């Protein structure tokens, strides 16, 4: 330890911790990140945000992009019904999971969703993308 450094202070951030923009530290769990990107809807969400200018999209635009990218599991559903199911799934399941993992920030007041993840999330998306194209 550097003797000029005060006891209990750190100069290098632990590899297992990431500071969010509020200055608080949170543990970075590989299981959390892998779980967050394990679903097709969440990967489509992250890809849409990664490709957006400033990594931000309005909620309605995000729903459109995700609905266009994910498969319609029920061939009998009209595209409007498919989009509505995607909207509900994003709101109740996928956006909360991504926000809990601190990969996105969803501002309900403004209706904007912003990617706040790091290189690990982007690397994972890059790794799985070739496999999704073959579906």
N, C-alpha and C. Protein backbone atom coordinates (compact mmCIF):
# COMPACT_ATOMS: atom_id res chain seq x y z
N UNK A 1 0.85 -1.19 0.00
CA UNK A 1 0.00 0.00 0.00
C UNK A 1 0.88 1.24 0.00
N UNK A 2 0.52 2.23 -0.76
CA UNK A 2 1.24 3.49 -0.82
C UNK A 2 1.10 4.19 0.53
N UNK A 3 2.25 4.54 1.15
CA UNK A 3 2.19 5.12 2.49
C UNK A 3 1.61 6.53 2.49
N UNK A 4 1.59 7.21 1.34
CA UNK A 4 1.00 8.55 1.28
C UNK A 4 -0.52 8.47 1.17
N UNK A 5 -1.02 7.27 0.92
CA UNK A 5 -2.46 7.06 0.78
C UNK A 5 -3.07 6.85 2.16
N UNK A 6 -4.25 7.42 2.37
CA UNK A 6 -4.92 7.26 3.65
C UNK A 6 -5.41 5.82 3.81
N UNK A 7 -5.37 5.30 5.05
CA UNK A 7 -5.85 3.94 5.28
C UNK A 7 -7.32 3.81 4.86
N UNK A 8 -7.62 2.69 4.23
CA UNK A 8 -9.01 2.42 3.83
C UNK A 8 -9.40 3.02 2.49
N UNK A 9 -8.54 3.83 1.86
CA UNK A 9 -8.88 4.40 0.57
C UNK A 9 -8.29 3.54 -0.53
N UNK A 10 -8.86 3.64 -1.73
CA UNK A 10 -8.37 2.86 -2.86
C UNK A 10 -8.06 3.78 -4.01
N UNK A 11 -7.04 3.41 -4.77
CA UNK A 11 -6.73 4.18 -5.97
C UNK A 11 -7.16 3.43 -7.21
N UNK A 12 -7.26 2.12 -7.14
CA UNK A 12 -7.67 1.31 -8.27
C UNK A 12 -8.97 0.61 -7.91
N UNK A 13 -9.95 0.71 -8.79
CA UNK A 13 -11.24 0.09 -8.56
C UNK A 13 -11.13 -1.42 -8.78
N UNK A 14 -11.76 -2.19 -7.92
CA UNK A 14 -11.75 -3.64 -8.04
C UNK A 14 -12.35 -4.05 -9.38
N UNK A 15 -11.81 -5.12 -9.96
CA UNK A 15 -12.33 -5.60 -11.24
C UNK A 15 -13.77 -6.09 -11.11
N UNK A 16 -14.18 -6.44 -9.91
CA UNK A 16 -15.53 -6.95 -9.70
C UNK A 16 -16.52 -5.86 -9.30
N UNK A 17 -16.12 -4.61 -9.39
CA UNK A 17 -17.02 -3.51 -9.04
C UNK A 17 -17.01 -2.48 -10.15
N UNK A 18 -18.17 -1.86 -10.36
CA UNK A 18 -18.30 -0.84 -11.37
C UNK A 18 -19.02 0.33 -10.73
N UNK A 19 -18.53 1.55 -10.92
CA UNK A 19 -19.21 2.72 -10.38
C UNK A 19 -20.26 3.16 -11.36
N UNK A 20 -21.50 3.35 -10.90
CA UNK A 20 -22.52 3.87 -11.79
C UNK A 20 -22.43 5.39 -11.77
N UNK A 21 -23.25 6.05 -12.58
CA UNK A 21 -23.12 7.50 -12.72
C UNK A 21 -23.52 8.26 -11.46
N UNK A 22 -24.11 7.60 -10.46
CA UNK A 22 -24.42 8.28 -9.21
C UNK A 22 -23.24 8.20 -8.25
N UNK A 23 -22.18 7.45 -8.65
CA UNK A 23 -21.00 7.34 -7.81
C UNK A 23 -21.03 6.14 -6.89
N UNK A 24 -22.14 5.43 -6.79
CA UNK A 24 -22.22 4.24 -5.95
C UNK A 24 -21.58 3.08 -6.68
N UNK A 25 -21.00 2.16 -5.92
CA UNK A 25 -20.42 0.98 -6.52
C UNK A 25 -21.39 -0.17 -6.40
N UNK A 26 -21.37 -1.05 -7.40
CA UNK A 26 -22.21 -2.24 -7.37
C UNK A 26 -21.38 -3.43 -7.81
N UNK A 27 -21.64 -4.58 -7.24
CA UNK A 27 -20.91 -5.76 -7.70
C UNK A 27 -21.33 -6.13 -9.12
N UNK A 28 -20.38 -6.55 -9.90
CA UNK A 28 -20.64 -6.97 -11.26
C UNK A 28 -20.63 -8.48 -11.28
N UNK A 29 -21.79 -9.10 -11.37
CA UNK A 29 -21.89 -10.55 -11.37
C UNK A 29 -22.01 -11.07 -12.79
N UNK A 30 -21.11 -11.96 -13.21
CA UNK A 30 -21.25 -12.54 -14.55
C UNK A 30 -22.59 -13.25 -14.73
N UNK A 31 -23.09 -13.89 -13.67
CA UNK A 31 -24.38 -14.58 -13.76
C UNK A 31 -25.51 -13.60 -14.07
N UNK A 32 -25.45 -12.42 -13.45
CA UNK A 32 -26.47 -11.41 -13.70
C UNK A 32 -26.44 -10.95 -15.15
N UNK A 33 -25.26 -10.69 -15.66
CA UNK A 33 -25.13 -10.22 -17.03
C UNK A 33 -25.53 -11.31 -18.02
N UNK A 34 -25.07 -12.53 -17.78
CA UNK A 34 -25.43 -13.63 -18.68
C UNK A 34 -26.92 -13.88 -18.67
N UNK A 35 -27.55 -13.81 -17.51
CA UNK A 35 -29.00 -13.97 -17.42
C UNK A 35 -29.72 -12.85 -18.17
N UNK A 36 -29.18 -11.65 -18.05
CA UNK A 36 -29.82 -10.50 -18.69
C UNK A 36 -29.78 -10.60 -20.21
N UNK A 37 -28.73 -11.18 -20.77
CA UNK A 37 -28.63 -11.26 -22.23
C UNK A 37 -29.05 -12.64 -22.76
N UNK A 38 -29.59 -13.48 -21.89
CA UNK A 38 -29.97 -14.84 -22.30
C UNK A 38 -31.27 -14.90 -23.09
N UNK A 39 -32.05 -13.84 -23.08
CA UNK A 39 -33.35 -13.84 -23.73
C UNK A 39 -33.31 -13.05 -25.05
N UNK A 40 -34.00 -13.56 -26.04
CA UNK A 40 -34.03 -12.94 -27.37
C UNK A 40 -34.56 -11.49 -27.32
N UNK A 41 -35.60 -11.25 -26.53
CA UNK A 41 -36.16 -9.89 -26.41
C UNK A 41 -35.15 -8.93 -25.80
N UNK A 42 -34.42 -9.38 -24.79
CA UNK A 42 -33.45 -8.50 -24.15
C UNK A 42 -32.25 -8.24 -25.06
N UNK A 43 -31.82 -9.26 -25.80
CA UNK A 43 -30.73 -9.03 -26.76
C UNK A 43 -31.17 -8.07 -27.86
N UNK A 44 -32.40 -8.23 -28.34
CA UNK A 44 -32.91 -7.31 -29.36
C UNK A 44 -32.99 -5.89 -28.81
N UNK A 45 -33.37 -5.76 -27.55
CA UNK A 45 -33.42 -4.44 -26.90
C UNK A 45 -32.03 -3.83 -26.85
N UNK A 46 -31.06 -4.61 -26.40
CA UNK A 46 -29.69 -4.09 -26.29
C UNK A 46 -29.09 -3.77 -27.65
N UNK A 47 -29.36 -4.59 -28.64
CA UNK A 47 -28.88 -4.30 -30.00
C UNK A 47 -29.50 -3.02 -30.54
N UNK A 48 -30.80 -2.84 -30.32
CA UNK A 48 -31.47 -1.62 -30.79
C UNK A 48 -30.86 -0.39 -30.13
N UNK A 49 -30.62 -0.47 -28.82
CA UNK A 49 -30.03 0.67 -28.11
C UNK A 49 -28.58 0.90 -28.52
N UNK A 50 -27.84 -0.18 -28.74
CA UNK A 50 -26.44 -0.06 -29.14
C UNK A 50 -26.32 0.60 -30.51
N UNK A 51 -27.30 0.37 -31.38
CA UNK A 51 -27.27 0.94 -32.73
C UNK A 51 -27.91 2.32 -32.82
N UNK A 52 -28.53 2.78 -31.74
CA UNK A 52 -29.19 4.09 -31.74
C UNK A 52 -28.18 5.20 -31.47
N UNK A 53 -28.49 6.38 -31.99
CA UNK A 53 -27.61 7.52 -31.71
C UNK A 53 -27.69 7.81 -30.21
N UNK A 54 -26.56 8.06 -29.63
CA UNK A 54 -26.44 8.34 -28.20
C UNK A 54 -26.94 7.19 -27.34
N UNK A 55 -27.08 5.99 -27.92
CA UNK A 55 -27.48 4.78 -27.19
C UNK A 55 -28.81 4.95 -26.45
N UNK A 56 -29.71 5.79 -27.01
CA UNK A 56 -30.99 6.10 -26.38
C UNK A 56 -32.11 6.01 -27.41
N UNK A 57 -33.25 5.46 -26.99
CA UNK A 57 -34.44 5.41 -27.84
C UNK A 57 -35.67 5.74 -27.02
N UNK A 58 -36.66 6.31 -27.70
CA UNK A 58 -37.97 6.47 -27.08
C UNK A 58 -38.58 5.08 -26.94
N UNK A 59 -39.38 4.87 -25.90
CA UNK A 59 -39.96 3.56 -25.61
C UNK A 59 -40.72 3.00 -26.81
N UNK A 60 -41.56 3.81 -27.47
CA UNK A 60 -42.33 3.32 -28.61
C UNK A 60 -41.43 2.89 -29.77
N UNK A 61 -40.36 3.63 -30.01
CA UNK A 61 -39.42 3.26 -31.07
C UNK A 61 -38.71 1.95 -30.71
N UNK A 62 -38.39 1.79 -29.45
CA UNK A 62 -37.76 0.55 -28.99
C UNK A 62 -38.69 -0.64 -29.19
N UNK A 63 -39.97 -0.48 -28.84
CA UNK A 63 -40.94 -1.55 -29.04
C UNK A 63 -41.01 -1.94 -30.51
N UNK A 64 -41.06 -0.95 -31.41
CA UNK A 64 -41.10 -1.23 -32.86
C UNK A 64 -39.88 -2.04 -33.29
N UNK A 65 -38.69 -1.62 -32.86
CA UNK A 65 -37.46 -2.30 -33.28
C UNK A 65 -37.38 -3.73 -32.74
N UNK A 66 -37.78 -3.90 -31.49
CA UNK A 66 -37.73 -5.24 -30.89
C UNK A 66 -38.76 -6.15 -31.56
N UNK A 67 -39.96 -5.63 -31.78
CA UNK A 67 -41.01 -6.44 -32.42
C UNK A 67 -40.61 -6.86 -33.82
N UNK A 68 -39.89 -6.01 -34.54
CA UNK A 68 -39.43 -6.35 -35.88
C UNK A 68 -38.32 -7.39 -35.86
N UNK A 69 -37.58 -7.45 -34.77
CA UNK A 69 -36.42 -8.35 -34.71
C UNK A 69 -36.76 -9.74 -34.15
N UNK A 70 -37.64 -9.81 -33.15
CA UNK A 70 -37.92 -11.11 -32.53
C UNK A 70 -38.97 -11.87 -33.32
N UNK A 71 -38.89 -13.18 -33.21
CA UNK A 71 -39.85 -14.04 -33.92
C UNK A 71 -41.23 -13.91 -33.33
N UNK A 72 -42.22 -13.99 -34.21
CA UNK A 72 -43.61 -14.07 -33.79
C UNK A 72 -43.88 -15.55 -33.58
N UNK A 73 -43.94 -15.98 -32.32
CA UNK A 73 -44.06 -17.40 -31.99
C UNK A 73 -45.40 -17.98 -32.42
N UNK A 74 -46.42 -17.17 -32.50
CA UNK A 74 -47.75 -17.64 -32.87
C UNK A 74 -48.08 -17.15 -34.27
N UNK A 75 -48.05 -18.04 -35.23
CA UNK A 75 -48.28 -17.67 -36.63
C UNK A 75 -49.67 -17.07 -36.85
N UNK A 76 -50.61 -17.33 -35.94
CA UNK A 76 -51.97 -16.80 -36.08
C UNK A 76 -52.10 -15.35 -35.61
N UNK A 77 -51.07 -14.83 -34.94
CA UNK A 77 -51.13 -13.45 -34.45
C UNK A 77 -50.89 -12.46 -35.58
N UNK A 78 -51.69 -11.44 -35.61
CA UNK A 78 -51.46 -10.32 -36.52
C UNK A 78 -50.26 -9.54 -36.02
N UNK A 79 -49.65 -8.76 -36.86
CA UNK A 79 -48.46 -8.01 -36.46
C UNK A 79 -48.77 -7.02 -35.33
N UNK A 80 -49.98 -6.45 -35.31
CA UNK A 80 -50.36 -5.54 -34.21
C UNK A 80 -50.42 -6.28 -32.88
N UNK A 81 -50.95 -7.51 -32.92
CA UNK A 81 -51.02 -8.30 -31.70
C UNK A 81 -49.62 -8.69 -31.23
N UNK A 82 -48.77 -9.05 -32.18
CA UNK A 82 -47.38 -9.40 -31.84
C UNK A 82 -46.69 -8.20 -31.20
N UNK A 83 -46.87 -7.03 -31.79
CA UNK A 83 -46.25 -5.82 -31.24
C UNK A 83 -46.79 -5.52 -29.84
N UNK A 84 -48.08 -5.73 -29.61
CA UNK A 84 -48.65 -5.49 -28.29
C UNK A 84 -48.07 -6.46 -27.26
N UNK A 85 -47.89 -7.72 -27.66
CA UNK A 85 -47.28 -8.70 -26.75
C UNK A 85 -45.84 -8.31 -26.42
N UNK A 86 -45.10 -7.84 -27.42
CA UNK A 86 -43.73 -7.39 -27.19
C UNK A 86 -43.74 -6.20 -26.24
N UNK A 87 -44.65 -5.24 -26.45
CA UNK A 87 -44.77 -4.06 -25.59
C UNK A 87 -44.99 -4.47 -24.13
N UNK A 88 -45.90 -5.40 -23.91
CA UNK A 88 -46.22 -5.86 -22.55
C UNK A 88 -45.03 -6.59 -21.94
N UNK A 89 -44.40 -7.47 -22.73
CA UNK A 89 -43.24 -8.23 -22.23
C UNK A 89 -42.08 -7.30 -21.89
N UNK A 90 -41.84 -6.30 -22.72
CA UNK A 90 -40.76 -5.34 -22.42
C UNK A 90 -41.05 -4.61 -21.12
N UNK A 91 -42.26 -4.11 -21.00
CA UNK A 91 -42.62 -3.29 -19.83
C UNK A 91 -42.56 -4.08 -18.53
N UNK A 92 -43.11 -5.29 -18.54
CA UNK A 92 -43.25 -6.05 -17.30
C UNK A 92 -42.09 -6.98 -16.98
N UNK A 93 -41.34 -7.39 -17.99
CA UNK A 93 -40.30 -8.39 -17.76
C UNK A 93 -38.91 -7.92 -18.16
N UNK A 94 -38.73 -7.58 -19.42
CA UNK A 94 -37.39 -7.41 -19.96
C UNK A 94 -36.71 -6.10 -19.56
N UNK A 95 -37.41 -4.99 -19.64
CA UNK A 95 -36.77 -3.73 -19.22
C UNK A 95 -36.45 -3.73 -17.73
N UNK A 96 -37.37 -4.22 -16.86
CA UNK A 96 -36.99 -4.27 -15.43
C UNK A 96 -35.77 -5.15 -15.17
N UNK A 97 -35.65 -6.27 -15.88
CA UNK A 97 -34.49 -7.15 -15.67
C UNK A 97 -33.20 -6.46 -16.13
N UNK A 98 -33.24 -5.79 -17.26
CA UNK A 98 -32.07 -5.08 -17.75
C UNK A 98 -31.72 -3.90 -16.86
N UNK A 99 -32.74 -3.24 -16.33
CA UNK A 99 -32.49 -2.10 -15.43
C UNK A 99 -31.91 -2.59 -14.10
N UNK A 100 -32.43 -3.69 -13.60
CA UNK A 100 -31.92 -4.27 -12.35
C UNK A 100 -30.45 -4.65 -12.49
N UNK A 101 -30.07 -5.13 -13.67
CA UNK A 101 -28.67 -5.49 -13.94
C UNK A 101 -27.82 -4.26 -14.24
N UNK A 102 -28.43 -3.08 -14.26
CA UNK A 102 -27.76 -1.81 -14.55
C UNK A 102 -27.11 -1.80 -15.93
N UNK A 103 -27.85 -2.39 -16.89
CA UNK A 103 -27.40 -2.36 -18.28
C UNK A 103 -28.14 -1.27 -19.04
N UNK A 104 -29.35 -0.96 -18.60
CA UNK A 104 -30.12 0.14 -19.20
C UNK A 104 -30.63 1.05 -18.10
N UNK A 105 -31.07 2.22 -18.51
CA UNK A 105 -31.76 3.15 -17.64
C UNK A 105 -33.06 3.51 -18.34
N UNK A 106 -34.18 3.22 -17.71
CA UNK A 106 -35.49 3.54 -18.28
C UNK A 106 -36.10 4.68 -17.50
N UNK A 107 -36.28 5.80 -18.17
CA UNK A 107 -36.85 6.99 -17.54
C UNK A 107 -38.33 7.05 -17.92
N UNK A 108 -39.18 6.55 -17.04
CA UNK A 108 -40.61 6.48 -17.32
C UNK A 108 -41.21 7.86 -17.59
N UNK A 109 -40.70 8.88 -16.90
CA UNK A 109 -41.25 10.24 -17.08
C UNK A 109 -41.06 10.74 -18.50
N UNK A 110 -39.90 10.46 -19.09
CA UNK A 110 -39.62 10.95 -20.44
C UNK A 110 -39.91 9.89 -21.50
N UNK A 111 -40.03 8.63 -21.07
CA UNK A 111 -40.27 7.55 -22.01
C UNK A 111 -39.03 7.14 -22.79
N UNK A 112 -37.85 7.47 -22.26
CA UNK A 112 -36.60 7.13 -22.95
C UNK A 112 -35.88 5.97 -22.26
N UNK A 113 -35.30 5.11 -23.08
CA UNK A 113 -34.51 3.99 -22.60
C UNK A 113 -33.09 4.20 -23.10
N UNK A 114 -32.12 4.08 -22.18
CA UNK A 114 -30.73 4.37 -22.52
C UNK A 114 -29.84 3.20 -22.12
N UNK A 115 -28.95 2.80 -23.01
CA UNK A 115 -27.96 1.77 -22.72
C UNK A 115 -26.88 2.37 -21.83
N UNK A 116 -26.64 1.77 -20.67
CA UNK A 116 -25.60 2.25 -19.77
C UNK A 116 -24.60 1.13 -19.45
N UNK A 117 -24.74 0.00 -20.15
CA UNK A 117 -23.84 -1.12 -19.94
C UNK A 117 -22.45 -0.80 -20.44
N UNK A 118 -21.59 -1.76 -20.30
CA UNK A 118 -20.21 -1.56 -20.69
C UNK A 118 -19.77 -2.47 -21.81
N UNK A 119 -18.47 -2.61 -21.91
CA UNK A 119 -17.88 -3.40 -22.97
C UNK A 119 -18.25 -4.87 -22.86
N UNK A 120 -18.39 -5.40 -21.65
CA UNK A 120 -18.72 -6.81 -21.48
C UNK A 120 -20.04 -7.14 -22.15
N UNK A 121 -21.06 -6.32 -21.92
CA UNK A 121 -22.36 -6.56 -22.54
C UNK A 121 -22.27 -6.47 -24.06
N UNK A 122 -21.54 -5.49 -24.56
CA UNK A 122 -21.38 -5.34 -26.01
C UNK A 122 -20.61 -6.52 -26.60
N UNK A 123 -19.59 -6.99 -25.89
CA UNK A 123 -18.83 -8.16 -26.37
C UNK A 123 -19.72 -9.40 -26.41
N UNK A 124 -20.55 -9.60 -25.40
CA UNK A 124 -21.46 -10.76 -25.39
C UNK A 124 -22.43 -10.70 -26.56
N UNK A 125 -22.97 -9.53 -26.84
CA UNK A 125 -23.90 -9.38 -27.96
C UNK A 125 -23.19 -9.70 -29.28
N UNK A 126 -21.97 -9.24 -29.41
CA UNK A 126 -21.19 -9.51 -30.63
C UNK A 126 -20.93 -11.02 -30.78
N UNK A 127 -20.68 -11.69 -29.67
CA UNK A 127 -20.41 -13.12 -29.71
C UNK A 127 -21.64 -13.94 -30.13
N UNK A 128 -22.83 -13.56 -29.66
CA UNK A 128 -24.02 -14.37 -29.95
C UNK A 128 -24.69 -13.99 -31.25
N UNK A 129 -24.39 -12.85 -31.82
CA UNK A 129 -25.05 -12.37 -33.03
C UNK A 129 -24.96 -13.36 -34.21
N UNK A 130 -23.81 -13.97 -34.49
CA UNK A 130 -23.76 -14.92 -35.62
C UNK A 130 -24.69 -16.12 -35.43
N UNK A 131 -24.92 -16.52 -34.21
CA UNK A 131 -25.79 -17.66 -33.94
C UNK A 131 -27.25 -17.30 -34.14
N UNK A 132 -27.62 -16.07 -33.84
CA UNK A 132 -29.00 -15.62 -34.03
C UNK A 132 -29.35 -15.47 -35.50
N UNK A 133 -28.38 -15.11 -36.30
CA UNK A 133 -28.63 -14.92 -37.74
C UNK A 133 -28.99 -16.25 -38.41
N UNK A 134 -28.55 -17.36 -37.83
CA UNK A 134 -28.82 -18.67 -38.41
C UNK A 134 -30.14 -19.26 -38.00
N UNK A 135 -30.92 -18.59 -37.15
CA UNK A 135 -32.21 -19.13 -36.67
C UNK A 135 -33.17 -19.37 -37.79
